[in-house]
Amino acid sequence: MRHSSVRGEGAPAQPGGDISDAGPVSGGGKRQGRRRVLRWVSSVLSFLILATAAGGYLYYRHLNGSIKTDALNLGETKLGGSKPNAFGQTPLNILLIGSDARDDAANQALGGARDTFDGPPLADVQMLLHLSADRSNMSVVSMPRDTMLMMPKCTEPGGKVHQASKGLVQTNESLGRGGPGCTVAAWQELTHIPIDHFMMIDFKGVVTMADAIGGVPVCVQQNVESRTKDGKGSGLKLPAGTNTIQGEQALQWLRTRYGFEDGTDLGRTHAQHMYMNSMAREFRKNAKLSNPVKLNSLAQAAIKAMVVDPGLNKIDKLYDLSMELKKVPTGRITMTTMPWVYSTREEGRVEPKPVEAEGLFRMVREDIALDGKGSGNPAATPQAPAASGASGSSAAPSQPAADPAAPPAKIPVTVRNATGGKDGAQTRVKGRADDVAALLVGKGFTKAQSTTQTAAEDTTVIRFSSPDQAGDAAAVATALGLPASSLEKSDDVTGIVLFVGKDWRTGNAPTPPPPAPTKAPDSARPLNGDDDKECMAIQPGFTW
């Protein structure tokens, strides 16, 4: 597979999947690419939405016309946005995207790598920010940029189609498949988390916003200089202890791999999370943004730096969002990285760690706080999720408002026996498709019928062939008590097809899933927002 998603020459990815800070790398027998400048963090995007909480921001309505927008979701799977819980409270999921675009002089000067100038941008930073329904907590999940995924079909507003990938594709290539709306589609396809908004920023935006905030304190355990003998590295140079960084130095911190911890992307991601938390703490205690001149500078920098979805294309919308985010105390902010394993199919790349990554996604879907402290409302129960993964909730899905269902008697459903499971360890239950088809008929779906065609599925799934069947498919799932994760649009079926999986070998309902996790796994490396004692360990050989 070609790795157009790797800018620059470099060695195979280290844990978390990045290549190098900058400069060429060579090694015996290892795949070489071209010179690459490493990713930086979209923490600035979180800063942006937190910053707008400063008083007086509504005065900047004249900036509305300058806000750049792009489509929210270019994929075919539309989850319909986050759904309210039993108390009418609705969570929010915002995808923060860092683009490495080198499309103008400022970005080219900061990004380097002349051979990539004006090339397709890559989504080198991807963080999902989840704001709980009761606003008691916030979770952030980062995805390593070298994560290998199956890409969904994405259609640009102008009609250009990027077909679904036939093999694994590096996650940061999603941005070049029509824009941020395809990055959103890829996240939803992987996680089944409904994404309500996105915010995207580029190199120059990081520097501009870091300057506007006036500096963020960070800590290193020893003197550090991110520079190798052959010129690789971000160029960051700091003395031991706490330092306040801003502007281009902040960009260096966020891009540093060589010099932090073991020199891999895991260390860099941890440094990015430290910066993000520190920035949030600064906003809580720093009152200087009440200065109208400072606020004006910040507002204009923010507008120039970002691209958002149409749902955030007005200053008052950004203000309203910021006020919601402001409700969360820093002690209830949890930064995590998606648990990963090295890919056995793509050398030097990573894939989601099957059980632990899905568990983390499920916690977000079901609005479970990653810090293990639960909801701010002791009486609250987890929301009925808009979607769920392979081990998702048994709560029935909400029917998409854009595609209301027909009456059950008018919905044709084909039922296939897939009870043997994907591993083939068990034989299919004879007559199971007939039994479930009869169950559907008893519930009013009189056009349901079984077929002799078989399949192999671990969990029961309902696939439908066209978007205008989504509401009908959801009605079938609701009638059977299946989770929203059972709904999939697929070009491999005609009409609505119910695959009775290994989880439904007997009875009138599938075996319920195991309980959801109550705390982020250690492999996600959770970091609490109040932790101001965290100090980056320095890689041997990078001190001065």
Protein backbone atom coordinates (compact mmCIF):
# COMPACT_ATOMS: atom_id res chain seq x y z
CA MET A 1 0.00 0.00 0.00
CA ARG A 2 1.30 3.48 -0.76
CA HIS A 3 1.58 5.82 2.21
CA SER A 4 0.80 9.19 0.69
CA SER A 5 -0.20 10.14 4.21
CA VAL A 6 3.43 10.35 5.25
CA ARG A 7 5.06 13.65 4.39
CA GLY A 8 8.80 13.39 4.22
CA GLU A 9 11.53 10.80 4.54
CA GLY A 10 11.47 8.81 7.74
CA ALA A 11 11.77 5.56 9.57
CA PRO A 12 8.78 3.31 10.30
CA ALA A 13 6.38 4.74 12.82
CA GLN A 14 6.97 4.38 16.52
CA PRO A 15 4.19 3.75 19.03
CA GLY A 16 1.35 6.04 18.14
CA GLY A 17 2.49 6.12 14.59
CA ASP A 18 4.54 9.24 13.81
CA ILE A 19 7.75 9.35 11.82
CA SER A 20 10.05 12.13 13.00
CA ASP A 21 10.15 15.74 14.08
CA ALA A 22 11.82 16.89 10.90
CA GLY A 23 14.60 15.91 8.55
CA PRO A 24 15.60 12.74 6.73
CA VAL A 25 15.98 9.37 8.37
CA SER A 26 17.41 6.25 6.79
CA GLY A 27 17.84 2.71 8.02
CA GLY A 28 18.84 -0.72 6.74
CA GLY A 29 16.00 -2.31 4.86
CA LYS A 30 13.40 0.08 6.26
CA ARG A 31 10.93 1.90 4.06
CA GLN A 32 11.97 5.42 3.29
CA GLY A 33 9.72 8.34 2.56
CA ARG A 34 10.41 12.01 2.10
CA ARG A 35 11.23 14.67 4.68
CA ARG A 36 8.37 15.23 7.10
CA VAL A 37 7.46 17.85 9.64
CA LEU A 38 5.58 16.27 12.48
CA ARG A 39 2.12 16.92 13.61
CA TRP A 40 1.04 19.48 16.14
CA VAL A 41 -1.93 19.44 18.44
CA SER A 42 -5.45 20.65 18.02
CA SER A 43 -5.47 21.70 21.64
CA VAL A 44 -5.64 25.20 20.26
CA LEU A 45 -9.10 24.36 18.98
CA SER A 46 -10.20 23.56 22.50
CA PHE A 47 -8.58 26.78 23.57
CA LEU A 48 -10.62 28.60 20.96
CA ILE A 49 -13.95 27.36 22.22
CA LEU A 50 -12.92 27.97 25.81
CA ALA A 51 -11.61 31.41 24.98
CA THR A 52 -14.86 32.57 23.50
CA ALA A 53 -16.37 32.36 26.97
CA ALA A 54 -14.77 35.71 27.76
CA GLY A 55 -17.33 38.43 28.37
CA GLY A 56 -18.27 40.64 25.49
CA TYR A 57 -17.63 38.20 22.67
CA LEU A 58 -21.09 38.77 21.24
CA TYR A 59 -19.93 42.22 20.17
CA TYR A 60 -17.93 40.62 17.41
CA ARG A 61 -20.90 39.66 15.27
CA HIS A 62 -19.32 41.61 12.43
CA LEU A 63 -16.84 38.75 12.16
CA ASN A 64 -19.58 36.30 11.16
CA GLY A 65 -18.94 36.79 7.47
CA SER A 66 -15.30 35.77 7.93
CA ILE A 67 -16.00 32.37 9.50
CA LYS A 68 -14.97 29.61 7.09
CA THR A 69 -17.25 26.56 6.92
CA ASP A 70 -17.26 23.12 5.37
CA ALA A 71 -19.72 20.22 5.30
CA LEU A 72 -20.06 18.27 8.56
CA ASN A 73 -20.30 14.72 7.19
CA LEU A 74 -19.53 13.57 3.64
CA GLY A 75 -20.23 9.92 4.40
CA GLU A 76 -23.38 7.88 3.87
CA THR A 77 -23.88 6.95 7.52
CA LYS A 78 -25.81 9.73 9.24
CA LEU A 79 -26.28 9.09 12.96
CA GLY A 80 -28.46 12.16 13.40
CA GLY A 81 -26.45 13.84 16.16
CA SER A 82 -26.34 13.18 19.88
CA LYS A 83 -29.64 12.21 21.52
CA PRO A 84 -30.96 13.55 24.87
CA ASN A 85 -30.97 11.35 27.94
CA ALA A 86 -34.00 10.61 30.09
CA PHE A 87 -33.70 14.09 31.67
CA GLY A 88 -33.70 15.90 28.32
CA GLN A 89 -29.96 16.68 28.58
CA THR A 90 -27.94 16.27 25.39
CA PRO A 91 -24.21 15.52 25.20
CA LEU A 92 -21.98 17.09 22.56
CA ASN A 93 -19.26 15.46 20.47
CA ILE A 94 -16.85 17.79 18.67
CA LEU A 95 -14.05 16.52 16.42
CA LEU A 96 -10.95 18.70 16.64
CA ILE A 97 -8.80 18.45 13.51
CA GLY A 98 -5.27 19.72 12.92
CA SER A 99 -4.44 20.17 9.22
CA ASP A 100 -0.82 20.11 8.03
CA ALA A 101 -1.74 22.14 4.91
CA ARG A 102 1.17 24.03 3.38
CA ASP A 103 -1.03 26.12 1.12
CA ASP A 104 0.26 29.62 1.76
CA ALA A 105 3.51 31.39 2.68
CA ALA A 106 2.85 31.38 6.43
CA ASN A 107 2.06 27.66 6.61
CA GLN A 108 4.96 26.82 4.31
CA ALA A 109 7.41 28.77 6.47
CA LEU A 110 6.23 27.00 9.61
CA GLY A 111 5.74 23.55 8.10
CA GLY A 112 8.82 23.25 5.93
CA ALA A 113 9.09 20.22 3.62
CA ARG A 114 9.15 22.17 0.34
CA ASP A 115 8.26 19.10 -1.72
CA THR A 116 4.85 18.97 -0.01
CA PHE A 117 3.91 22.62 -0.73
CA ASP A 118 0.37 22.91 -2.11
CA GLY A 119 -0.15 19.16 -1.77
CA PRO A 120 -3.26 17.55 -0.30
CA PRO A 121 -3.64 18.32 3.43
CA LEU A 122 -3.52 15.60 6.04
CA ALA A 123 -5.54 15.40 9.27
CA ASP A 124 -2.44 14.87 11.38
CA VAL A 125 -4.18 15.71 14.64
CA GLN A 126 -7.56 14.21 15.47
CA MET A 127 -9.16 14.57 18.89
CA LEU A 128 -12.76 13.88 19.81
CA LEU A 129 -14.02 16.16 22.56
CA HIS A 130 -17.06 14.78 24.42
CA LEU A 131 -19.06 17.10 26.68
CA SER A 132 -21.32 15.11 29.00
CA ALA A 133 -25.07 15.57 28.86
CA ASP A 134 -25.19 17.01 32.39
CA ARG A 135 -22.06 19.16 31.73
CA SER A 136 -20.31 17.61 34.74
CA ASN A 137 -17.34 16.23 32.81
CA MET A 138 -15.41 16.35 29.54
CA SER A 139 -13.51 13.59 27.78
CA VAL A 140 -10.95 13.91 24.99
CA VAL A 141 -9.87 10.92 22.87
CA SER A 142 -6.86 11.33 20.55
CA MET A 143 -6.29 8.99 17.61
CA PRO A 144 -2.67 8.35 16.50
CA ARG A 145 -2.21 9.72 13.01
CA ASP A 146 -0.82 6.43 11.69
CA THR A 147 -3.91 4.44 12.67
CA MET A 148 -4.99 2.22 9.80
CA LEU A 149 -8.72 2.18 9.01
CA MET A 150 -11.20 1.23 6.32
CA MET A 151 -12.25 4.52 4.74
CA PRO A 152 -15.96 5.12 4.04
CA LYS A 153 -17.35 6.43 0.77
CA CYS A 154 -17.28 10.24 0.83
CA THR A 155 -19.13 12.53 -1.57
CA GLU A 156 -18.11 16.16 -1.89
CA PRO A 157 -20.85 18.85 -2.11
CA GLY A 158 -19.97 19.35 -5.77
CA GLY A 159 -20.64 15.68 -6.50
CA LYS A 160 -17.11 14.24 -6.63
CA VAL A 161 -17.12 10.76 -5.11
CA HIS A 162 -14.30 9.13 -3.15
CA GLN A 163 -15.17 5.43 -3.10
CA ALA A 164 -14.87 3.39 0.09
CA SER A 165 -11.40 1.90 0.44
CA LYS A 166 -10.86 -1.75 -0.41
CA GLY A 167 -8.07 -2.01 2.10
CA LEU A 168 -6.65 -0.20 5.11
CA VAL A 169 -5.87 3.51 4.74
CA GLN A 170 -4.01 5.76 7.14
CA THR A 171 -6.50 7.84 9.11
CA ASN A 172 -4.92 11.21 8.33
CA GLU A 173 -5.59 10.70 4.60
CA SER A 174 -9.30 11.22 5.31
CA LEU A 175 -8.90 15.00 5.00
CA GLY A 176 -7.80 14.64 1.38
CA ARG A 177 -10.98 12.72 0.52
CA GLY A 178 -13.16 15.79 0.27
CA GLY A 179 -12.32 17.72 3.45
CA PRO A 180 -13.04 17.53 7.19
CA GLY A 181 -16.46 16.01 6.51
CA CYS A 182 -14.72 12.80 5.44
CA THR A 183 -12.62 12.79 8.61
CA VAL A 184 -15.89 13.01 10.54
CA ALA A 185 -17.33 10.17 8.45
CA ALA A 186 -14.29 7.98 9.16
CA TRP A 187 -14.60 8.56 12.91
CA GLN A 188 -18.29 7.72 12.90
CA GLU A 189 -17.67 4.58 10.86
CA LEU A 190 -15.05 3.38 13.35
CA THR A 191 -16.57 4.47 16.65
CA HIS A 192 -20.33 4.70 15.98
CA ILE A 193 -20.21 7.95 17.97
CA PRO A 194 -22.50 10.69 16.58
CA ILE A 195 -20.35 13.74 15.88
CA ASP A 196 -22.19 17.04 16.25
CA HIS A 197 -19.51 19.50 15.13
CA PHE A 198 -15.93 19.81 13.94
CA MET A 199 -13.33 22.55 14.24
CA MET A 200 -10.14 22.57 12.14
CA ILE A 201 -6.99 24.68 12.37
CA ASP A 202 -3.65 24.86 10.50
CA PHE A 203 0.02 25.63 11.38
CA LYS A 204 -0.27 29.41 11.37
CA GLY A 205 -3.45 29.15 13.42
CA VAL A 206 -1.57 27.37 16.20
CA VAL A 207 1.03 30.13 16.41
CA THR A 208 -1.52 32.95 16.16
CA MET A 209 -3.76 31.50 18.85
CA ALA A 210 -0.85 30.68 21.15
CA ASP A 211 0.26 34.30 20.87
CA ALA A 212 -3.26 35.53 21.60
CA ILE A 213 -3.52 33.57 24.85
CA GLY A 214 -0.27 35.07 26.13
CA GLY A 215 1.53 31.87 27.09
CA VAL A 216 0.93 28.46 28.66
CA PRO A 217 3.11 26.95 31.42
CA VAL A 218 4.69 23.56 30.70
CA CYS A 219 7.25 21.50 32.60
CA VAL A 220 10.29 19.41 31.62
CA GLN A 221 12.27 17.26 34.04
CA GLN A 222 15.65 18.19 32.49
CA ASN A 223 17.05 20.69 30.04
CA VAL A 224 15.80 19.63 26.61
CA GLU A 225 16.74 20.37 23.02
CA SER A 226 14.81 18.59 20.29
CA ARG A 227 17.57 18.34 17.71
CA THR A 228 19.53 15.31 16.50
CA LYS A 229 23.05 15.29 15.10
CA ASP A 230 21.71 15.10 11.57
CA GLY A 231 19.26 17.98 12.02
CA LYS A 232 15.99 16.26 12.85
CA GLY A 233 13.76 17.57 15.62
CA SER A 234 11.34 20.40 16.33
CA GLY A 235 14.06 22.77 17.59
CA LEU A 236 12.41 23.15 21.01
CA LYS A 237 14.99 24.22 23.63
CA LEU A 238 13.94 24.69 27.26
CA PRO A 239 15.65 24.65 30.65
CA ALA A 240 14.54 22.18 33.31
CA GLY A 241 11.43 23.08 35.29
CA THR A 242 8.35 25.13 34.40
CA ASN A 243 8.46 27.40 31.35
CA THR A 244 5.77 29.61 29.85
CA ILE A 245 5.63 29.09 26.08
CA GLN A 246 3.69 30.82 23.32
CA GLY A 247 3.77 31.47 19.60
CA GLU A 248 6.24 29.43 17.56
CA GLN A 249 7.72 27.91 20.70
CA ALA A 250 4.30 26.51 21.58
CA LEU A 251 4.14 24.98 18.09
CA GLN A 252 7.56 23.41 18.71
CA TRP A 253 6.33 21.90 21.99
CA LEU A 254 3.29 20.43 20.32
CA ARG A 255 5.34 18.94 17.47
CA THR A 256 8.22 17.55 19.53
CA ARG A 257 8.87 13.85 19.40
CA TYR A 258 12.67 13.63 19.63
CA GLY A 259 13.53 14.58 23.19
CA PHE A 260 10.31 13.56 24.95
CA GLU A 261 10.11 10.27 26.86
CA ASP A 262 11.13 7.44 24.49
CA GLY A 263 11.18 9.52 21.33
CA THR A 264 7.91 8.11 20.02
CA ASP A 265 4.54 9.62 19.21
CA LEU A 266 3.19 8.45 22.57
CA GLY A 267 5.43 10.94 24.31
CA ARG A 268 4.37 13.71 22.00
CA THR A 269 0.69 12.96 22.51
CA HIS A 270 1.21 13.06 26.28
CA ALA A 271 2.93 16.45 25.93
CA GLN A 272 0.01 17.71 23.85
CA HIS A 273 -2.46 16.63 26.53
CA MET A 274 -0.36 18.37 29.20
CA TYR A 275 -0.43 21.58 27.16
CA MET A 276 -4.18 21.34 26.61
CA ASN A 277 -4.90 20.85 30.32
CA SER A 278 -2.56 23.65 31.31
CA MET A 279 -4.26 25.96 28.85
CA ALA A 280 -7.67 25.16 30.31
CA ARG A 281 -6.37 25.90 33.83
CA GLU A 282 -4.99 29.23 32.63
CA PHE A 283 -8.41 30.29 31.39
CA ARG A 284 -9.97 29.43 34.73
CA LYS A 285 -7.64 31.66 36.69
CA ASN A 286 -6.62 34.32 34.16
CA ALA A 287 -8.84 37.38 33.92
CA LYS A 288 -6.87 39.35 31.33
CA LEU A 289 -9.16 38.23 28.50
CA SER A 290 -11.71 40.69 29.86
CA ASN A 291 -9.48 43.35 28.28
CA PRO A 292 -11.39 44.54 25.15
CA VAL A 293 -8.19 45.01 23.12
CA LYS A 294 -6.96 41.54 24.03
CA LEU A 295 -10.37 40.09 23.34
CA ASN A 296 -10.55 41.74 19.93
CA SER A 297 -7.14 40.30 19.03
CA LEU A 298 -8.23 36.88 20.20
CA ALA A 299 -11.53 37.00 18.32
CA GLN A 300 -9.92 38.02 15.05
CA ALA A 301 -7.16 35.43 15.44
CA ALA A 302 -9.75 32.73 16.09
CA ILE A 303 -11.83 33.56 13.03
CA LYS A 304 -8.81 33.61 10.74
CA ALA A 305 -7.44 30.37 12.14
CA MET A 306 -10.36 27.99 11.92
CA VAL A 307 -12.78 26.15 9.70
CA VAL A 308 -16.01 24.89 11.27
CA ASP A 309 -19.14 23.02 10.25
CA PRO A 310 -22.29 25.02 9.38
CA GLY A 311 -23.67 24.45 12.88
CA LEU A 312 -20.93 26.69 14.32
CA ASN A 313 -20.82 29.37 11.63
CA LYS A 314 -21.96 32.29 13.78
CA ILE A 315 -20.26 34.08 16.65
CA ASP A 316 -23.26 33.57 18.91
CA LYS A 317 -23.18 29.82 18.22
CA LEU A 318 -19.52 29.67 19.22
CA TYR A 319 -20.33 31.73 22.28
CA ASP A 320 -23.17 29.41 23.30
CA LEU A 321 -20.90 26.40 22.85
CA SER A 322 -18.15 27.99 24.92
CA MET A 323 -20.58 28.70 27.75
CA GLU A 324 -21.49 25.01 27.82
CA LEU A 325 -17.84 23.97 27.91
CA LYS A 326 -17.12 26.48 30.64
CA LYS A 327 -19.43 24.59 33.00
CA VAL A 328 -16.98 21.69 33.32
CA PRO A 329 -14.40 22.06 36.13
CA THR A 330 -10.83 21.27 35.06
CA GLY A 331 -10.75 18.41 37.56
CA ARG A 332 -13.37 16.60 35.48
CA ILE A 333 -11.46 16.90 32.17
CA THR A 334 -9.82 13.64 31.09
CA MET A 335 -7.37 13.42 28.19
CA THR A 336 -6.81 9.99 26.62
CA THR A 337 -5.26 8.31 23.59
CA MET A 338 -7.11 5.56 21.73
CA PRO A 339 -5.64 2.21 22.85
CA TRP A 340 -3.69 0.75 19.93
CA VAL A 341 -1.67 -2.25 18.79
CA TYR A 342 0.90 -2.53 16.03
CA SER A 343 -0.71 -3.52 12.76
CA THR A 344 0.10 -7.00 11.47
CA ARG A 345 -1.04 -5.88 8.01
CA GLU A 346 0.86 -2.61 7.62
CA GLU A 347 4.42 -2.47 8.90
CA GLY A 348 5.13 0.33 11.35
CA ARG A 349 1.48 1.35 11.60
CA VAL A 350 -1.10 0.85 14.32
CA GLU A 351 -4.72 -0.29 14.59
CA PRO A 352 -7.31 0.16 17.36
CA LYS A 353 -6.77 -2.30 20.21
CA PRO A 354 -9.90 -4.45 19.76
CA VAL A 355 -11.38 -4.69 23.25
CA GLU A 356 -9.99 -1.62 24.98
CA ALA A 357 -10.48 0.85 22.12
CA GLU A 358 -14.07 -0.30 21.68
CA GLY A 359 -14.61 -0.01 25.44
CA LEU A 360 -13.38 3.60 25.36
CA PHE A 361 -15.63 4.41 22.40
CA ARG A 362 -18.57 2.79 24.16
CA MET A 363 -18.03 4.96 27.24
CA VAL A 364 -18.26 8.05 25.04
CA ARG A 365 -21.32 6.72 23.23
CA GLU A 366 -23.07 6.00 26.52
CA ASP A 367 -21.95 9.25 28.15
CA ILE A 368 -19.89 7.53 30.86
CA ALA A 369 -17.20 9.74 32.42
CA LEU A 370 -13.68 8.50 31.64
CA ASP A 371 -12.40 9.47 35.09
CA GLY A 372 -14.57 6.87 36.83
CA LYS A 373 -16.39 9.48 38.93
CA GLY A 374 -19.73 9.10 37.21
CA SER A 375 -22.32 11.74 36.42
CA GLY A 376 -22.70 15.04 38.23
CA ASN A 377 -26.35 14.10 38.74
CA PRO A 378 -26.49 11.01 41.01
CA ALA A 379 -29.98 10.20 39.77
CA ALA A 380 -29.04 10.35 36.11
CA THR A 381 -28.81 7.27 33.97
CA PRO A 382 -26.66 6.91 30.84
CA GLN A 383 -28.22 8.35 27.71
CA ALA A 384 -29.77 6.08 25.16
CA PRO A 385 -26.94 6.26 22.61
CA ALA A 386 -27.38 7.40 19.06
CA ALA A 387 -25.17 4.52 18.07
CA SER A 388 -23.31 1.68 19.65
CA GLY A 389 -20.43 -0.59 18.76
CA ALA A 390 -20.10 -4.32 18.64
CA SER A 391 -20.69 -4.54 22.34
CA GLY A 392 -23.05 -1.58 22.50
CA SER A 393 -26.04 -0.82 24.64
CA SER A 394 -29.26 -2.74 24.33
CA ALA A 395 -31.22 0.50 24.26
CA ALA A 396 -33.36 0.85 21.15
CA PRO A 397 -32.28 3.48 18.63
CA SER A 398 -34.11 6.67 17.90
CA GLN A 399 -35.65 6.79 14.45
CA PRO A 400 -33.95 9.29 12.10
CA ALA A 401 -36.24 12.29 11.79
CA ALA A 402 -35.13 12.86 8.19
CA ASP A 403 -36.39 9.42 7.14
CA PRO A 404 -39.64 8.51 8.93
CA ALA A 405 -40.54 4.83 8.84
CA ALA A 406 -43.38 3.33 6.89
CA PRO A 407 -46.03 1.27 8.78
CA PRO A 408 -44.58 -2.15 9.76
CA ALA A 409 -46.90 -4.02 7.38
CA LYS A 410 -45.37 -2.13 4.45
CA ILE A 411 -41.70 -2.80 5.30
CA PRO A 412 -40.17 -5.80 3.50
CA VAL A 413 -37.49 -7.57 5.56
CA THR A 414 -35.33 -10.51 4.52
CA VAL A 415 -33.95 -12.65 7.39
CA ARG A 416 -30.69 -14.60 7.02
CA ASN A 417 -29.19 -17.15 9.40
CA ALA A 418 -25.73 -16.00 10.54
CA THR A 419 -25.72 -17.76 13.91
CA GLY A 420 -22.47 -19.65 13.35
CA GLY A 421 -20.37 -16.55 14.00
CA LYS A 422 -17.34 -15.32 12.14
CA ASP A 423 -14.92 -17.78 13.72
CA GLY A 424 -16.94 -20.77 12.53
CA ALA A 425 -16.52 -22.46 15.89
CA GLN A 426 -20.25 -23.19 16.13
CA THR A 427 -22.66 -24.58 13.59
CA ARG A 428 -25.60 -22.46 12.54
CA VAL A 429 -28.85 -23.07 14.41
CA LYS A 430 -31.17 -24.86 12.02
CA GLY A 431 -34.36 -22.93 11.19
CA ARG A 432 -33.24 -19.78 13.04
CA ALA A 433 -34.07 -17.45 10.13
CA ASP A 434 -37.57 -18.94 9.97
CA ASP A 435 -38.08 -18.39 13.71
CA VAL A 436 -36.99 -14.73 13.66
CA ALA A 437 -39.01 -14.02 10.50
CA ALA A 438 -42.08 -15.43 12.27
CA LEU A 439 -41.29 -13.20 15.28
CA LEU A 440 -41.24 -10.15 13.00
CA VAL A 441 -44.53 -11.15 11.39
CA GLY A 442 -46.03 -11.37 14.89
CA LYS A 443 -44.91 -7.79 15.49
CA GLY A 444 -46.73 -6.57 12.39
CA PHE A 445 -43.95 -6.85 9.80
CA THR A 446 -46.05 -9.10 7.61
CA LYS A 447 -43.66 -8.79 4.65
CA ALA A 448 -40.80 -10.37 6.62
CA GLN A 449 -39.53 -13.61 5.16
CA SER A 450 -36.58 -15.92 5.66
CA THR A 451 -34.10 -16.99 2.99
CA THR A 452 -31.93 -20.04 2.53
CA GLN A 453 -28.90 -17.77 2.09
CA THR A 454 -26.64 -17.88 5.14
CA ALA A 455 -23.91 -15.65 6.55
CA ALA A 456 -21.58 -15.40 9.56
CA GLU A 457 -21.95 -12.60 12.13
CA ASP A 458 -20.92 -12.38 15.77
CA THR A 459 -23.62 -9.82 16.54
CA THR A 460 -27.02 -9.39 14.93
CA VAL A 461 -27.00 -6.68 12.28
CA ILE A 462 -29.57 -5.01 10.01
CA ARG A 463 -28.17 -3.85 6.67
CA PHE A 464 -30.04 -1.67 4.21
CA SER A 465 -29.11 -0.71 0.67
CA SER A 466 -30.18 2.95 0.33
CA PRO A 467 -30.39 5.99 2.62
CA ASP A 468 -34.16 6.27 2.21
CA GLN A 469 -34.50 2.87 3.95
CA ALA A 470 -32.77 4.07 7.13
CA GLY A 471 -36.02 4.90 8.93
CA ASP A 472 -37.59 1.55 8.01
CA ALA A 473 -34.49 -0.33 9.17
CA ALA A 474 -34.52 1.61 12.45
CA ALA A 475 -38.16 0.62 12.96
CA VAL A 476 -37.19 -3.04 12.61
CA ALA A 477 -34.38 -2.59 15.14
CA THR A 478 -36.72 -0.83 17.57
CA ALA A 479 -39.30 -3.60 17.29
CA LEU A 480 -36.68 -6.23 18.11
CA GLY A 481 -34.99 -4.20 20.87
CA LEU A 482 -31.70 -4.06 18.95
CA PRO A 483 -29.11 -1.28 19.55
CA ALA A 484 -28.46 1.40 16.97
CA SER A 485 -25.12 -0.26 16.18
CA SER A 486 -27.11 -3.01 14.45
CA LEU A 487 -27.95 -0.57 11.62
CA GLU A 488 -25.56 -0.43 8.68
CA LYS A 489 -25.92 0.91 5.16
CA SER A 490 -24.33 -1.54 2.74
CA ASP A 491 -23.92 -1.90 -1.00
CA ASP A 492 -23.75 -5.68 -0.51
CA VAL A 493 -27.48 -6.12 0.14
CA THR A 494 -30.73 -5.31 -1.61
CA GLY A 495 -33.46 -3.83 0.53
CA ILE A 496 -33.47 -4.48 4.30
CA VAL A 497 -31.73 -7.66 5.43
CA LEU A 498 -31.63 -8.90 9.04
CA PHE A 499 -28.59 -11.09 9.78
CA VAL A 500 -29.32 -13.16 12.91
CA GLY A 501 -25.91 -13.43 14.58
CA LYS A 502 -24.18 -15.70 17.06
CA ASP A 503 -25.55 -13.54 19.89
CA TRP A 504 -29.11 -14.63 19.05
CA ARG A 505 -29.07 -18.40 18.78
CA THR A 506 -32.21 -18.83 20.90
CA GLY A 507 -35.14 -16.87 22.33
CA ASN A 508 -36.90 -13.71 21.26
CA ALA A 509 -33.97 -11.31 21.78
CA PRO A 510 -30.17 -11.39 21.41
CA THR A 511 -27.94 -12.10 24.40
CA PRO A 512 -27.45 -8.72 26.13
CA PRO A 513 -23.95 -7.23 25.95
CA PRO A 514 -21.62 -7.18 28.95
CA PRO A 515 -21.64 -4.08 31.20
CA ALA A 516 -19.83 -1.04 29.86
CA PRO A 517 -16.48 -0.04 31.41
CA THR A 518 -16.67 2.50 34.22
CA LYS A 519 -13.23 4.05 33.77
CA ALA A 520 -10.78 4.61 30.91
CA PRO A 521 -8.22 1.78 30.64
CA ASP A 522 -4.61 2.44 31.60
CA SER A 523 -3.63 1.84 27.98
CA ALA A 524 -5.46 5.08 27.13
CA ARG A 525 -3.01 6.93 29.40
CA PRO A 526 -5.65 9.13 31.04
CA LEU A 527 -4.52 12.56 32.28
CA ASN A 528 -6.66 14.67 34.62
CA GLY A 529 -7.13 18.36 33.92
CA ASP A 530 -6.17 19.39 37.46
CA ASP A 531 -2.83 17.59 37.33
CA ASP A 532 -0.42 20.53 37.37
CA LYS A 533 2.47 18.41 38.68
CA GLU A 534 2.94 16.45 35.45
CA CYS A 535 6.40 17.07 34.01
CA MET A 536 7.73 15.63 30.75
CA ALA A 537 10.47 13.04 31.05
CA ILE A 538 13.37 13.73 28.68
CA GLN A 539 14.81 11.22 26.25
CA PRO A 540 18.47 10.35 26.89
CA GLY A 541 20.80 12.23 24.57
CA PHE A 542 18.57 15.29 24.20
CA THR A 543 19.68 17.29 27.24
CA TRP A 544 22.10 20.18 27.33
